[in-house]
C-alpha atoms as a PDB file:
ATOM      1  CA  UNK A   1      89.804  83.454  96.742  1.00  0.00           C
ATOM      2  CA  UNK A   2      87.083  85.686  95.248  1.00  0.00           C
ATOM      3  CA  UNK A   3      85.398  85.993  98.718  1.00  0.00           C
ATOM      4  CA  UNK A   4      88.869  87.333 100.380  1.00  0.00           C
ATOM      5  CA  UNK A   5      89.345  89.239  97.064  1.00  0.00           C
ATOM      6  CA  UNK A   6      85.813  91.071  97.575  1.00  0.00           C
ATOM      7  CA  UNK A   7      86.591  91.661 101.156  1.00  0.00           C
ATOM      8  CA  UNK A   8      89.329  93.442  99.876  1.00  0.00           C
ATOM      9  CA  UNK A   9      87.935  95.877  97.672  1.00  0.00           C
ATOM     10  CA  UNK A  10      84.926  96.488 100.253  1.00  0.00           C
ATOM     11  CA  UNK A  11      87.446  97.610 102.802  1.00  0.00           C
ATOM     12  CA  UNK A  12      89.131  99.519 100.334  1.00  0.00           C
ATOM     13  CA  UNK A  13      85.810 101.252  99.332  1.00  0.00           C
ATOM     14  CA  UNK A  14      84.553 102.179 103.001  1.00  0.00           C
ATOM     15  CA  UNK A  15      87.684 103.735 103.623  1.00  0.00           C
ATOM     16  CA  UNK A  16      87.492 105.580  99.996  1.00  0.00           C
ATOM     17  CA  UNK A  17      83.856 106.064 101.136  1.00  0.00           C
ATOM     18  CA  UNK A  18      84.865 108.061 104.775  1.00  0.00           C
ATOM     19  CA  UNK A  19      86.200 111.081 102.812  1.00  0.00           C
ATOM     20  CA  UNK A  20      83.363 111.605 100.917  1.00  0.00           C
ATOM     21  CA  UNK A  21      81.074 111.664 104.057  1.00  0.00           C
ATOM     22  CA  UNK A  22      82.653 114.131 104.997  1.00  0.00           C
ATOM     23  CA  UNK A  23      81.972 116.304 102.277  1.00  0.00           C
ATOM     24  CA  UNK A  24      77.935 115.238 103.083  1.00  0.00           C
ATOM     25  CA  UNK A  25      78.547 117.164 106.366  1.00  0.00           C
ATOM     26  CA  UNK A  26      80.622 120.272 104.915  1.00  0.00           C
ATOM     27  CA  UNK A  27      78.048 123.142 103.896  1.00  0.00           C
ATOM     28  CA  UNK A  28      78.683 124.354 100.220  1.00  0.00           C
ATOM     29  CA  UNK A  29      80.880 127.051 100.684  1.00  0.00           C
ATOM     30  CA  UNK A  30      83.465 124.862 102.900  1.00  0.00           C
ATOM     31  CA  UNK A  31      83.147 121.991 100.307  1.00  0.00           C
ATOM     32  CA  UNK A  32      84.152 125.233  97.770  1.00  0.00           C
ATOM     33  CA  UNK A  33      86.940 126.333  99.588  1.00  0.00           C
ATOM     34  CA  UNK A  34      88.415 122.744 100.195  1.00  0.00           C
ATOM     35  CA  UNK A  35      88.193 121.342  97.000  1.00  0.00           C
ATOM     36  CA  UNK A  36      87.809 124.495  94.814  1.00  0.00           C
ATOM     37  CA  UNK A  37      90.187 127.128  95.824  1.00  0.00           C
ATOM     38  CA  UNK A  38      93.152 125.928  93.915  1.00  0.00           C
ATOM     39  CA  UNK A  39      93.919 123.168  91.225  1.00  0.00           C
ATOM     40  CA  UNK A  40      95.257 120.783  94.397  1.00  0.00           C
ATOM     41  CA  UNK A  41      91.475 120.175  95.597  1.00  0.00           C
ATOM     42  CA  UNK A  42      90.101 120.096  92.538  1.00  0.00           C
ATOM     43  CA  UNK A  43      92.481 117.087  91.865  1.00  0.00           C
ATOM     44  CA  UNK A  44      92.265 115.815  94.955  1.00  0.00           C
ATOM     45  CA  UNK A  45      88.288 115.612  95.114  1.00  0.00           C
ATOM     46  CA  UNK A  46      88.778 114.245  91.298  1.00  0.00           C
ATOM     47  CA  UNK A  47      90.634 111.152  92.457  1.00  0.00           C
ATOM     48  CA  UNK A  48      88.526 110.656  95.221  1.00  0.00           C
ATOM     49  CA  UNK A  49      85.578 110.385  93.165  1.00  0.00           C
ATOM     50  CA  UNK A  50      87.670 108.358  90.562  1.00  0.00           C
ATOM     51  CA  UNK A  51      88.643 105.707  93.229  1.00  0.00           C
ATOM     52  CA  UNK A  52      85.458 105.494  94.258  1.00  0.00           C
ATOM     53  CA  UNK A  53      84.151 104.679  90.717  1.00  0.00           C
ATOM     54  CA  UNK A  54      86.940 102.168  90.235  1.00  0.00           C
ATOM     55  CA  UNK A  55      86.563 100.367  93.006  1.00  0.00           C
ATOM     56  CA  UNK A  56      82.375 100.224  92.860  1.00  0.00           C
ATOM     57  CA  UNK A  57      83.231  98.599  89.151  1.00  0.00           C
ATOM     58  CA  UNK A  58      86.219  96.302  91.252  1.00  0.00           C
ATOM     59  CA  UNK A  59      83.103  95.242  93.281  1.00  0.00           C
ATOM     60  CA  UNK A  60      80.291  95.034  90.897  1.00  0.00           C
ATOM     61  CA  UNK A  61      82.968  92.738  89.394  1.00  0.00           C
ATOM     62  CA  UNK A  62      83.947  90.178  91.790  1.00  0.00           C
ATOM     63  CA  UNK A  63      80.158  89.760  92.600  1.00  0.00           C
ATOM     64  CA  UNK A  64      79.594  88.843  89.152  1.00  0.00           C
ATOM     65  CA  UNK A  65      82.068  86.243  89.614  1.00  0.00           C
ATOM     66  CA  UNK A  66      81.232  84.885  92.795  1.00  0.00           C
ATOM     67  CA  UNK A  67      77.514  84.548  92.080  1.00  0.00           C
ATOM     68  CA  UNK A  68      78.479  82.570  88.420  1.00  0.00           C
ATOM     69  CA  UNK A  69      80.963  80.606  90.870  1.00  0.00           C
ATOM     70  CA  UNK A  70      77.767  79.608  92.938  1.00  0.00           C
ATOM     71  CA  UNK A  71      76.053  78.529  90.046  1.00  0.00           C
ATOM     72  CA  UNK A  72      78.599  76.823  88.616  1.00  0.00           C
ATOM     73  CA  UNK A  73      78.736  74.466  91.911  1.00  0.00           C
ATOM     74  CA  UNK A  74      74.886  74.419  92.638  1.00  0.00           C
ATOM     75  CA  UNK A  75      74.704  73.035  89.006  1.00  0.00           C
END
């Protein structure tokens, strides 16, 4: 079950990071125009970054749980 949850979170992270990789290909002007021309663009970027951070925290917690379970089984 933990591995299933971890896989799901990893897939969500992958999909969310695809948006961030788009930014990597932009010039600063394109980035500024897309995300800081108006409040909605800045809000969208904030939501993307927040989701990426939240998913990373979830992933790390699940990795710790999987590690603990493996140690429990081995002991």
